Amino acid sequence: MITVTNIRNVNNAAYDETWAIVRSLKNPGKMNHVPELSPSWALFKKYLRLKDAGKWNADTFKSVYVPTFLKEMAGTEAQKKLSELIELDKQGKKICLACFCHDEALCHRSIIAGILQSMGIQVQGVKGDYSEYGRYKEI
């Protein structure tokens, strides 16, 4: 079982592993820091610039952020982590993926959830079907 949520909502005792899918994590505590499933620094900085300019919205997320993040997820290191995650799910492990964003719909965790959903993996904690993001294999 894979659950995707905001890092503030994580109850580590409920999971076999919690993966913080963030670029930087100062105090991981009981979480595994997995930056391979987070946006690159370049993409994160682009997001910050768009947000500061008042241009961060659903259209910008879909047209700018999603394609770049999907290309990053097609990389070797991200693929290794996705494969590891899928294997843990097959073993029946309870895994939680968490990041700092408040709005799931405008966050990379929705993209990760969608990649997993497109592979037929049940993802809990998300508000919708994001399987359209499974097209990363085509990029």
C-alpha atoms as a PDB file:
ATOM      1  CA  MET A   1       0.000   0.000   0.000  1.00  0.00           C
ATOM      2  CA  ILE A   2       1.329   3.399  -0.990  1.00  0.00           C
ATOM      3  CA  THR A   3      -0.003   6.555   0.597  1.00  0.00           C
ATOM      4  CA  VAL A   4       0.850  10.031  -0.669  1.00  0.00           C
ATOM      5  CA  THR A   5       0.396  13.019   1.632  1.00  0.00           C
ATOM      6  CA  ASN A   6       1.665  16.268   3.067  1.00  0.00           C
ATOM      7  CA  ILE A   7       4.623  15.769   5.393  1.00  0.00           C
ATOM      8  CA  ARG A   8       2.725  17.417   8.256  1.00  0.00           C
ATOM      9  CA  ASN A   9       0.081  14.660   8.132  1.00  0.00           C
ATOM     10  CA  VAL A  10       2.463  11.713   8.389  1.00  0.00           C
ATOM     11  CA  ASN A  11       2.030   9.212  11.196  1.00  0.00           C
ATOM     12  CA  ASN A  12       5.245   7.199  10.916  1.00  0.00           C
ATOM     13  CA  ALA A  13       3.853   4.442  13.145  1.00  0.00           C
ATOM     14  CA  ALA A  14       1.243   3.636  10.472  1.00  0.00           C
ATOM     15  CA  TYR A  15       3.855   2.766   7.823  1.00  0.00           C
ATOM     16  CA  ASP A  16       6.740   0.394   7.319  1.00  0.00           C
ATOM     17  CA  GLU A  17       8.636   3.245   5.680  1.00  0.00           C
ATOM     18  CA  THR A  18       8.073   6.934   5.120  1.00  0.00           C
ATOM     19  CA  TRP A  19       9.841   8.519   2.177  1.00  0.00           C
ATOM     20  CA  ALA A  20      10.338  12.279   2.227  1.00  0.00           C
ATOM     21  CA  ILE A  21      10.296  13.014  -1.513  1.00  0.00           C
ATOM     22  CA  VAL A  22      11.788  16.465  -1.106  1.00  0.00           C
ATOM     23  CA  ARG A  23      14.947  18.062  -2.435  1.00  0.00           C
ATOM     24  CA  SER A  24      16.216  19.085   0.998  1.00  0.00           C
ATOM     25  CA  LEU A  25      15.372  17.774   4.459  1.00  0.00           C
ATOM     26  CA  LYS A  26      17.110  19.144   7.537  1.00  0.00           C
ATOM     27  CA  ASN A  27      15.598  16.843  10.162  1.00  0.00           C
ATOM     28  CA  PRO A  28      14.531  13.541   8.622  1.00  0.00           C
ATOM     29  CA  GLY A  29      13.715  11.883  11.944  1.00  0.00           C
ATOM     30  CA  LYS A  30      12.240   8.488  11.061  1.00  0.00           C
ATOM     31  CA  MET A  31      11.778   9.388   7.387  1.00  0.00           C
ATOM     32  CA  ASN A  32      13.934   8.182   4.521  1.00  0.00           C
ATOM     33  CA  HIS A  33      15.083  11.165   2.481  1.00  0.00           C
ATOM     34  CA  VAL A  34      14.498  10.302  -1.196  1.00  0.00           C
ATOM     35  CA  PRO A  35      15.487  13.350  -3.273  1.00  0.00           C
ATOM     36  CA  GLU A  36      15.461  11.225  -6.451  1.00  0.00           C
ATOM     37  CA  LEU A  37      11.661  11.537  -6.462  1.00  0.00           C
ATOM     38  CA  SER A  38      11.657  15.298  -5.972  1.00  0.00           C
ATOM     39  CA  PRO A  39      12.069  18.100  -8.501  1.00  0.00           C
ATOM     40  CA  SER A  40      15.605  19.102  -9.433  1.00  0.00           C
ATOM     41  CA  TRP A  41      16.969  22.338  -7.974  1.00  0.00           C
ATOM     42  CA  ALA A  42      16.499  23.979 -11.369  1.00  0.00           C
ATOM     43  CA  LEU A  43      12.821  23.004 -11.526  1.00  0.00           C
ATOM     44  CA  PHE A  44      12.254  23.947  -7.891  1.00  0.00           C
ATOM     45  CA  LYS A  45      13.778  27.392  -8.511  1.00  0.00           C
ATOM     46  CA  LYS A  46      11.605  27.807 -11.620  1.00  0.00           C
ATOM     47  CA  TYR A  47       8.548  27.025  -9.476  1.00  0.00           C
ATOM     48  CA  LEU A  48       9.644  29.641  -6.913  1.00  0.00           C
ATOM     49  CA  ARG A  49      10.116  32.280  -9.631  1.00  0.00           C
ATOM     50  CA  LEU A  50       6.673  31.543 -11.082  1.00  0.00           C
ATOM     51  CA  LYS A  51       5.097  31.654  -7.647  1.00  0.00           C
ATOM     52  CA  ASP A  52       6.830  34.937  -6.750  1.00  0.00           C
ATOM     53  CA  ALA A  53       5.666  36.450 -10.060  1.00  0.00           C
ATOM     54  CA  GLY A  54       2.063  35.426  -9.335  1.00  0.00           C
ATOM     55  CA  LYS A  55       2.070  33.010 -12.279  1.00  0.00           C
ATOM     56  CA  TRP A  56       1.787  29.740 -10.380  1.00  0.00           C
ATOM     57  CA  ASN A  57      -1.544  28.121 -11.257  1.00  0.00           C
ATOM     58  CA  ALA A  58      -3.021  24.945 -12.737  1.00  0.00           C
ATOM     59  CA  ASP A  59      -2.200  25.993 -16.321  1.00  0.00           C
ATOM     60  CA  THR A  60       1.435  26.720 -15.511  1.00  0.00           C
ATOM     61  CA  PHE A  61       1.691  23.491 -13.544  1.00  0.00           C
ATOM     62  CA  LYS A  62       0.420  21.444 -16.499  1.00  0.00           C
ATOM     63  CA  SER A  63       2.268  23.282 -19.271  1.00  0.00           C
ATOM     64  CA  VAL A  64       5.620  24.008 -17.609  1.00  0.00           C
ATOM     65  CA  TYR A  65       6.137  21.955 -14.469  1.00  0.00           C
ATOM     66  CA  VAL A  66       4.628  18.583 -15.389  1.00  0.00           C
ATOM     67  CA  PRO A  67       6.585  18.012 -18.637  1.00  0.00           C
ATOM     68  CA  THR A  68       9.886  18.927 -16.976  1.00  0.00           C
ATOM     69  CA  PHE A  69       9.252  16.768 -13.929  1.00  0.00           C
ATOM     70  CA  LEU A  70       8.184  13.825 -16.091  1.00  0.00           C
ATOM     71  CA  LYS A  71      11.477  14.065 -17.997  1.00  0.00           C
ATOM     72  CA  GLU A  72      13.317  14.044 -14.680  1.00  0.00           C
ATOM     73  CA  MET A  73      11.389  10.945 -13.579  1.00  0.00           C
ATOM     74  CA  ALA A  74      12.512   9.148 -16.732  1.00  0.00           C
ATOM     75  CA  GLY A  75      16.123   9.425 -15.517  1.00  0.00           C
ATOM     76  CA  THR A  76      18.110   6.473 -14.174  1.00  0.00           C
ATOM     77  CA  GLU A  77      18.129   7.423 -10.486  1.00  0.00           C
ATOM     78  CA  ALA A  78      14.420   8.235 -10.388  1.00  0.00           C
ATOM     79  CA  GLN A  79      13.651   4.976 -12.214  1.00  0.00           C
ATOM     80  CA  LYS A  80      15.649   3.005  -9.625  1.00  0.00           C
ATOM     81  CA  LYS A  81      13.663   4.576  -6.791  1.00  0.00           C
ATOM     82  CA  LEU A  82      10.335   4.051  -8.558  1.00  0.00           C
ATOM     83  CA  SER A  83      11.253   0.392  -9.127  1.00  0.00           C
ATOM     84  CA  GLU A  84      12.225   0.026  -5.467  1.00  0.00           C
ATOM     85  CA  LEU A  85       8.928   1.586  -4.413  1.00  0.00           C
ATOM     86  CA  ILE A  86       6.935  -0.707  -6.683  1.00  0.00           C
ATOM     87  CA  GLU A  87       8.785  -3.752  -5.352  1.00  0.00           C
ATOM     88  CA  LEU A  88       8.059  -2.740  -1.749  1.00  0.00           C
ATOM     89  CA  ASP A  89       4.393  -2.364  -2.678  1.00  0.00           C
ATOM     90  CA  LYS A  90       4.384  -5.848  -4.232  1.00  0.00           C
ATOM     91  CA  GLN A  91       5.842  -7.194  -0.985  1.00  0.00           C
ATOM     92  CA  GLY A  92       2.860  -5.744   0.875  1.00  0.00           C
ATOM     93  CA  LYS A  93       4.824  -3.018   2.625  1.00  0.00           C
ATOM     94  CA  LYS A  94       3.035   0.118   3.756  1.00  0.00           C
ATOM     95  CA  ILE A  95       4.908   3.072   2.292  1.00  0.00           C
ATOM     96  CA  CYS A  96       4.125   6.747   2.718  1.00  0.00           C
ATOM     97  CA  LEU A  97       5.435   9.361   0.279  1.00  0.00           C
ATOM     98  CA  ALA A  98       5.421  12.895   1.664  1.00  0.00           C
ATOM     99  CA  CYS A  99       6.446  16.411   0.714  1.00  0.00           C
ATOM    100  CA  PHE A 100       5.859  19.930   2.012  1.00  0.00           C
ATOM    101  CA  CYS A 101       3.328  21.239  -0.526  1.00  0.00           C
ATOM    102  CA  HIS A 102      -0.159  22.077   0.698  1.00  0.00           C
ATOM    103  CA  ASP A 103      -1.980  21.739  -2.644  1.00  0.00           C
ATOM    104  CA  GLU A 104      -1.647  18.208  -3.945  1.00  0.00           C
ATOM    105  CA  ALA A 105      -3.035  19.135  -7.364  1.00  0.00           C
ATOM    106  CA  LEU A 106      -0.137  21.573  -7.954  1.00  0.00           C
ATOM    107  CA  CYS A 107       2.559  19.350  -6.483  1.00  0.00           C
ATOM    108  CA  HIS A 108       5.008  16.771  -7.771  1.00  0.00           C
ATOM    109  CA  ARG A 109       3.491  14.194  -5.425  1.00  0.00           C
ATOM    110  CA  SER A 110       0.383  14.158  -7.639  1.00  0.00           C
ATOM    111  CA  ILE A 111       2.659  13.355 -10.574  1.00  0.00           C
ATOM    112  CA  ILE A 112       4.346  10.522  -8.664  1.00  0.00           C
ATOM    113  CA  ALA A 113       0.901   9.250  -7.635  1.00  0.00           C
ATOM    114  CA  GLY A 114      -0.203   9.396 -11.268  1.00  0.00           C
ATOM    115  CA  ILE A 115       2.806   7.453 -12.487  1.00  0.00           C
ATOM    116  CA  LEU A 116       1.991   4.749  -9.947  1.00  0.00           C
ATOM    117  CA  GLN A 117      -1.743   4.809 -10.740  1.00  0.00           C
ATOM    118  CA  SER A 118      -0.992   4.405 -14.445  1.00  0.00           C
ATOM    119  CA  MET A 119       0.873   1.205 -13.562  1.00  0.00           C
ATOM    120  CA  GLY A 120      -2.182  -0.163 -11.791  1.00  0.00           C
ATOM    121  CA  ILE A 121      -0.907   0.537  -8.295  1.00  0.00           C
ATOM    122  CA  GLN A 122      -3.491   1.663  -5.790  1.00  0.00           C
ATOM    123  CA  VAL A 123      -2.463   4.949  -4.209  1.00  0.00           C
ATOM    124  CA  GLN A 124      -4.144   6.199  -1.070  1.00  0.00           C
ATOM    125  CA  GLY A 125      -4.309   9.733   0.259  1.00  0.00           C
ATOM    126  CA  VAL A 126      -4.822  11.461  -3.082  1.00  0.00           C
ATOM    127  CA  LYS A 127      -7.967  13.281  -4.058  1.00  0.00           C
ATOM    128  CA  GLY A 128      -8.129  12.119  -7.627  1.00  0.00           C
ATOM    129  CA  ASP A 129      -6.987  10.038 -10.535  1.00  0.00           C
ATOM    130  CA  TYR A 130      -3.702  11.418 -11.798  1.00  0.00           C
ATOM    131  CA  SER A 131      -2.911   8.481 -14.096  1.00  0.00           C
ATOM    132  CA  GLU A 132      -2.596  10.870 -17.057  1.00  0.00           C
ATOM    133  CA  TYR A 133       0.902  11.565 -15.693  1.00  0.00           C
ATOM    134  CA  GLY A 134       1.904   8.001 -16.507  1.00  0.00           C
ATOM    135  CA  ARG A 135       3.037   9.197 -19.911  1.00  0.00           C
ATOM    136  CA  TYR A 136       6.558   9.848 -18.548  1.00  0.00           C
ATOM    137  CA  LYS A 137       7.669   6.684 -20.348  1.00  0.00           C
ATOM    138  CA  GLU A 138       6.870   8.412 -23.650  1.00  0.00           C
ATOM    139  CA  ILE A 139       9.127  11.381 -22.976  1.00  0.00           C
END
